[in-house]
């Protein structure tokens, strides 16, 4: 077992992981709620980038519905961002032969 070679491989893998995380954070996902009345864009890091609300979704008599639509859209976008990140990181770790639970 060559310790130096293992350390080099670990360092290379760490660099690849950081690059993959950076790449994923630049990818965007879009989620909608209320039949498209609310659109939320997030990145692969789970950060919400933008929220668009259709004018017909704004009803001063029913603010609660709009709040629910926004919350639903945000949750969907964050979940899709997490799934994207998990998928991309899984591609990186799939060929490494890690035991179950140690991959992404």
N, C-alpha and C. Protein backbone atom coordinates (compact mmCIF):
# COMPACT_ATOMS: atom_id res chain seq x y z
N UNK A 1 0.85 -1.17 0.00
CA UNK A 1 0.00 0.00 0.00
C UNK A 1 0.90 1.24 0.00
N UNK A 2 0.72 2.09 -0.99
CA UNK A 2 1.53 3.29 -1.13
C UNK A 2 0.77 4.48 -0.54
N UNK A 3 1.19 4.94 0.62
CA UNK A 3 0.53 6.03 1.33
C UNK A 3 0.57 7.32 0.50
N UNK A 4 1.71 7.60 -0.11
CA UNK A 4 1.84 8.83 -0.90
C UNK A 4 0.83 8.84 -2.05
N UNK A 5 0.69 7.71 -2.71
CA UNK A 5 -0.25 7.61 -3.84
C UNK A 5 -1.69 7.77 -3.34
N UNK A 6 -1.99 7.18 -2.19
CA UNK A 6 -3.33 7.31 -1.62
C UNK A 6 -3.63 8.76 -1.27
N UNK A 7 -2.66 9.47 -0.73
CA UNK A 7 -2.85 10.87 -0.37
C UNK A 7 -3.06 11.73 -1.62
N UNK A 8 -2.33 11.42 -2.68
CA UNK A 8 -2.50 12.15 -3.93
C UNK A 8 -3.90 11.90 -4.50
N UNK A 9 -4.35 10.65 -4.44
CA UNK A 9 -5.69 10.32 -4.94
C UNK A 9 -6.76 11.03 -4.11
N UNK A 10 -6.57 11.07 -2.80
CA UNK A 10 -7.54 11.75 -1.92
C UNK A 10 -7.57 13.24 -2.23
N UNK A 11 -6.42 13.84 -2.46
CA UNK A 11 -6.37 15.26 -2.78
C UNK A 11 -7.05 15.53 -4.12
N UNK A 12 -6.80 14.66 -5.09
CA UNK A 12 -7.43 14.81 -6.41
C UNK A 12 -8.95 14.68 -6.30
N UNK A 13 -9.40 13.72 -5.50
CA UNK A 13 -10.83 13.53 -5.31
C UNK A 13 -11.44 14.75 -4.62
N UNK A 14 -10.75 15.32 -3.65
CA UNK A 14 -11.25 16.51 -2.96
C UNK A 14 -11.38 17.67 -3.94
N UNK A 15 -10.41 17.84 -4.81
CA UNK A 15 -10.47 18.90 -5.83
C UNK A 15 -11.65 18.68 -6.77
N UNK A 16 -11.87 17.43 -7.17
CA UNK A 16 -12.99 17.11 -8.05
C UNK A 16 -14.32 17.40 -7.37
N UNK A 17 -14.41 17.08 -6.09
CA UNK A 17 -15.64 17.32 -5.33
C UNK A 17 -15.92 18.82 -5.24
N UNK A 18 -14.91 19.61 -4.95
CA UNK A 18 -15.08 21.06 -4.87
C UNK A 18 -15.51 21.64 -6.20
N UNK A 19 -14.91 21.15 -7.28
CA UNK A 19 -15.28 21.62 -8.62
C UNK A 19 -16.72 21.23 -8.93
N UNK A 20 -17.11 20.02 -8.59
CA UNK A 20 -18.48 19.56 -8.83
C UNK A 20 -19.47 20.39 -8.02
N UNK A 21 -19.14 20.71 -6.77
CA UNK A 21 -20.03 21.54 -5.95
C UNK A 21 -20.17 22.93 -6.56
N UNK A 22 -19.08 23.47 -7.06
CA UNK A 22 -19.13 24.79 -7.69
C UNK A 22 -20.00 24.74 -8.95
N UNK A 23 -19.82 23.69 -9.75
CA UNK A 23 -20.61 23.54 -10.98
C UNK A 23 -22.10 23.41 -10.67
N UNK A 24 -22.43 22.62 -9.66
CA UNK A 24 -23.83 22.41 -9.29
C UNK A 24 -24.46 23.71 -8.81
N UNK A 25 -23.69 24.50 -8.10
CA UNK A 25 -24.25 25.76 -7.57
C UNK A 25 -24.58 26.74 -8.69
N UNK A 26 -24.05 26.52 -9.89
CA UNK A 26 -24.34 27.38 -11.03
C UNK A 26 -25.55 26.88 -11.84
N UNK A 27 -25.96 25.64 -11.61
CA UNK A 27 -27.10 25.09 -12.33
C UNK A 27 -28.40 25.51 -11.64
N UNK A 28 -29.41 25.78 -12.44
CA UNK A 28 -30.68 26.26 -11.91
C UNK A 28 -31.80 25.26 -12.11
N UNK A 29 -32.73 25.24 -11.17
CA UNK A 29 -33.96 24.46 -11.29
C UNK A 29 -35.12 25.43 -11.11
N UNK A 30 -36.23 25.10 -11.76
CA UNK A 30 -37.42 25.94 -11.67
C UNK A 30 -38.58 25.10 -11.16
N UNK A 31 -39.30 25.61 -10.18
CA UNK A 31 -40.46 24.92 -9.64
C UNK A 31 -41.65 25.88 -9.68
N UNK A 32 -42.84 25.31 -9.90
CA UNK A 32 -44.04 26.14 -9.92
C UNK A 32 -45.05 25.61 -8.92
N UNK A 33 -45.95 26.49 -8.53
CA UNK A 33 -47.04 26.13 -7.63
C UNK A 33 -48.29 26.86 -8.09
N UNK A 34 -49.43 26.30 -7.76
CA UNK A 34 -50.69 26.94 -8.11
C UNK A 34 -50.92 27.01 -9.61
N UNK A 35 -50.52 25.96 -10.30
CA UNK A 35 -50.72 25.94 -11.75
C UNK A 35 -49.91 27.01 -12.47
N UNK A 36 -48.75 27.34 -11.96
CA UNK A 36 -47.88 28.31 -12.58
C UNK A 36 -48.06 29.73 -12.07
N UNK A 37 -48.91 29.90 -11.07
CA UNK A 37 -49.11 31.25 -10.52
C UNK A 37 -47.88 31.74 -9.75
N UNK A 38 -47.12 30.81 -9.22
CA UNK A 38 -45.88 31.15 -8.52
C UNK A 38 -44.76 30.31 -9.13
N UNK A 39 -43.68 30.98 -9.51
CA UNK A 39 -42.52 30.31 -10.09
C UNK A 39 -41.30 30.66 -9.25
N UNK A 40 -40.58 29.62 -8.83
CA UNK A 40 -39.39 29.82 -7.99
C UNK A 40 -38.19 29.20 -8.69
N UNK A 41 -37.11 29.95 -8.77
CA UNK A 41 -35.86 29.46 -9.35
C UNK A 41 -34.85 29.33 -8.22
N UNK A 42 -34.18 28.16 -8.17
CA UNK A 42 -33.15 27.91 -7.16
C UNK A 42 -31.94 27.30 -7.85
N UNK A 43 -30.81 27.31 -7.16
CA UNK A 43 -29.64 26.66 -7.73
C UNK A 43 -29.39 25.33 -7.03
N UNK A 44 -28.38 24.61 -7.51
CA UNK A 44 -28.08 23.30 -6.96
C UNK A 44 -27.57 23.33 -5.53
N UNK A 45 -27.23 24.50 -5.04
CA UNK A 45 -26.80 24.63 -3.65
C UNK A 45 -28.00 24.85 -2.72
N UNK A 46 -29.20 24.95 -3.31
CA UNK A 46 -30.41 25.13 -2.50
C UNK A 46 -30.73 26.59 -2.22
N UNK A 47 -30.04 27.50 -2.89
CA UNK A 47 -30.32 28.93 -2.70
C UNK A 47 -31.44 29.35 -3.65
N UNK A 48 -32.42 30.07 -3.12
CA UNK A 48 -33.50 30.60 -3.96
C UNK A 48 -32.95 31.83 -4.68
N UNK A 49 -33.09 31.82 -6.01
CA UNK A 49 -32.55 32.89 -6.84
C UNK A 49 -33.62 33.93 -7.14
N UNK A 50 -34.83 33.45 -7.46
CA UNK A 50 -35.90 34.40 -7.77
C UNK A 50 -37.27 33.78 -7.52
N UNK A 51 -38.24 34.66 -7.31
CA UNK A 51 -39.64 34.26 -7.15
C UNK A 51 -40.47 35.18 -8.03
N UNK A 52 -41.29 34.59 -8.88
CA UNK A 52 -42.20 35.36 -9.73
C UNK A 52 -43.63 34.99 -9.33
N UNK A 53 -44.47 36.01 -9.20
CA UNK A 53 -45.87 35.81 -8.82
C UNK A 53 -46.75 36.43 -9.90
N UNK A 54 -47.63 35.61 -10.46
CA UNK A 54 -48.56 36.12 -11.47
C UNK A 54 -49.54 37.08 -10.82
N UNK A 55 -49.87 38.17 -11.51
CA UNK A 55 -50.78 39.17 -10.92
C UNK A 55 -52.12 38.58 -10.46
N UNK A 56 -52.63 37.58 -11.16
CA UNK A 56 -53.92 37.02 -10.76
C UNK A 56 -53.84 36.22 -9.46
N UNK A 57 -52.63 35.92 -9.00
CA UNK A 57 -52.47 35.21 -7.73
C UNK A 57 -52.58 36.15 -6.54
N UNK A 58 -52.53 37.44 -6.79
CA UNK A 58 -52.56 38.43 -5.71
C UNK A 58 -54.01 38.84 -5.45
N UNK A 59 -54.54 38.34 -4.36
CA UNK A 59 -55.90 38.66 -3.95
C UNK A 59 -55.83 39.18 -2.51
N UNK A 60 -56.05 40.47 -2.32
CA UNK A 60 -55.94 41.04 -0.97
C UNK A 60 -56.88 40.38 0.03
N UNK A 61 -57.92 39.74 -0.46
CA UNK A 61 -58.87 39.06 0.42
C UNK A 61 -58.40 37.66 0.81
N UNK A 62 -57.36 37.16 0.12
CA UNK A 62 -56.89 35.80 0.39
C UNK A 62 -55.36 35.75 0.37
N UNK A 63 -54.75 36.50 1.25
CA UNK A 63 -53.29 36.55 1.35
C UNK A 63 -52.74 35.18 1.75
N UNK A 64 -53.48 34.46 2.56
CA UNK A 64 -53.03 33.14 3.02
C UNK A 64 -52.76 32.19 1.86
N UNK A 65 -53.62 32.21 0.84
CA UNK A 65 -53.42 31.33 -0.31
C UNK A 65 -52.10 31.67 -1.01
N UNK A 66 -51.82 32.95 -1.19
CA UNK A 66 -50.58 33.37 -1.83
C UNK A 66 -49.38 32.94 -0.99
N UNK A 67 -49.46 33.09 0.30
CA UNK A 67 -48.38 32.66 1.18
C UNK A 67 -48.13 31.16 1.02
N UNK A 68 -49.20 30.38 0.96
CA UNK A 68 -49.07 28.93 0.78
C UNK A 68 -48.44 28.59 -0.56
N UNK A 69 -48.84 29.30 -1.61
CA UNK A 69 -48.28 29.04 -2.94
C UNK A 69 -46.79 29.36 -2.97
N UNK A 70 -46.40 30.47 -2.37
CA UNK A 70 -44.99 30.84 -2.33
C UNK A 70 -44.20 29.81 -1.53
N UNK A 71 -44.70 29.42 -0.39
CA UNK A 71 -44.01 28.43 0.43
C UNK A 71 -43.87 27.10 -0.31
N UNK A 72 -44.92 26.66 -0.96
CA UNK A 72 -44.88 25.42 -1.73
C UNK A 72 -43.85 25.51 -2.84
N UNK A 73 -43.85 26.62 -3.58
CA UNK A 73 -42.89 26.80 -4.66
C UNK A 73 -41.46 26.80 -4.16
N UNK A 74 -41.21 27.47 -3.07
CA UNK A 74 -39.86 27.53 -2.50
C UNK A 74 -39.41 26.13 -2.05
N UNK A 75 -40.28 25.42 -1.39
CA UNK A 75 -39.92 24.06 -0.94
C UNK A 75 -39.61 23.16 -2.13
N UNK A 76 -40.43 23.23 -3.17
CA UNK A 76 -40.20 22.40 -4.37
C UNK A 76 -38.86 22.75 -5.01
N UNK A 77 -38.58 24.04 -5.15
CA UNK A 77 -37.34 24.46 -5.80
C UNK A 77 -36.12 24.01 -5.00
N UNK A 78 -36.17 24.15 -3.70
CA UNK A 78 -35.04 23.73 -2.86
C UNK A 78 -34.85 22.22 -2.96
N UNK A 79 -35.94 21.46 -2.93
CA UNK A 79 -35.86 20.01 -3.04
C UNK A 79 -35.27 19.60 -4.39
N UNK A 80 -35.73 20.24 -5.47
CA UNK A 80 -35.19 19.92 -6.79
C UNK A 80 -33.71 20.29 -6.87
N UNK A 81 -33.31 21.39 -6.25
CA UNK A 81 -31.90 21.76 -6.20
C UNK A 81 -31.07 20.73 -5.47
N UNK A 82 -31.59 20.24 -4.36
CA UNK A 82 -30.89 19.20 -3.60
C UNK A 82 -30.77 17.91 -4.41
N UNK A 83 -31.85 17.55 -5.11
CA UNK A 83 -31.81 16.34 -5.94
C UNK A 83 -30.79 16.48 -7.06
N UNK A 84 -30.71 17.66 -7.66
CA UNK A 84 -29.73 17.91 -8.70
C UNK A 84 -28.32 17.75 -8.13
N UNK A 85 -28.06 18.34 -6.99
CA UNK A 85 -26.75 18.24 -6.36
C UNK A 85 -26.41 16.80 -6.03
N UNK A 86 -27.37 16.08 -5.49
CA UNK A 86 -27.14 14.68 -5.12
C UNK A 86 -26.83 13.84 -6.36
N UNK A 87 -27.56 14.09 -7.43
CA UNK A 87 -27.34 13.37 -8.67
C UNK A 87 -25.95 13.65 -9.24
N UNK A 88 -25.57 14.92 -9.27
CA UNK A 88 -24.26 15.30 -9.80
C UNK A 88 -23.13 14.75 -8.95
N UNK A 89 -23.26 14.81 -7.64
CA UNK A 89 -22.21 14.29 -6.76
C UNK A 89 -22.17 12.77 -6.85
N UNK A 90 -23.34 12.15 -7.05
CA UNK A 90 -23.38 10.70 -7.20
C UNK A 90 -22.61 10.23 -8.42
N UNK A 91 -22.65 11.03 -9.50
CA UNK A 91 -21.88 10.68 -10.70
C UNK A 91 -20.39 10.66 -10.38
N UNK A 92 -19.96 11.58 -9.57
CA UNK A 92 -18.55 11.68 -9.22
C UNK A 92 -18.10 10.52 -8.34
N UNK A 93 -18.95 10.13 -7.41
CA UNK A 93 -18.55 9.10 -6.44
C UNK A 93 -18.92 7.68 -6.89
N UNK A 94 -19.66 7.53 -7.98
CA UNK A 94 -20.15 6.20 -8.37
C UNK A 94 -19.05 5.22 -8.70
N UNK A 95 -17.97 5.68 -9.28
CA UNK A 95 -16.90 4.77 -9.67
C UNK A 95 -15.85 4.57 -8.61
N UNK A 96 -16.07 5.06 -7.43
CA UNK A 96 -15.06 4.99 -6.39
C UNK A 96 -15.17 3.76 -5.51
N UNK A 97 -16.24 3.01 -5.65
CA UNK A 97 -16.39 1.79 -4.85
C UNK A 97 -16.59 2.05 -3.37
N UNK A 98 -17.26 3.15 -3.03
CA UNK A 98 -17.51 3.45 -1.63
C UNK A 98 -18.61 2.54 -1.10
N UNK A 99 -18.51 2.14 0.17
CA UNK A 99 -19.57 1.35 0.77
C UNK A 99 -20.88 2.14 0.82
N UNK A 100 -22.02 1.46 0.87
CA UNK A 100 -23.30 2.17 0.95
C UNK A 100 -23.31 3.16 2.10
N UNK A 101 -23.85 4.34 1.83
CA UNK A 101 -23.93 5.36 2.86
C UNK A 101 -22.79 6.36 2.84
N UNK A 102 -21.69 5.99 2.20
CA UNK A 102 -20.54 6.90 2.14
C UNK A 102 -20.50 7.70 0.85
N UNK A 103 -21.32 7.32 -0.12
CA UNK A 103 -21.42 8.11 -1.34
C UNK A 103 -22.40 9.23 -1.12
N UNK A 104 -22.62 10.02 -2.16
CA UNK A 104 -23.56 11.13 -2.05
C UNK A 104 -24.85 10.79 -2.72
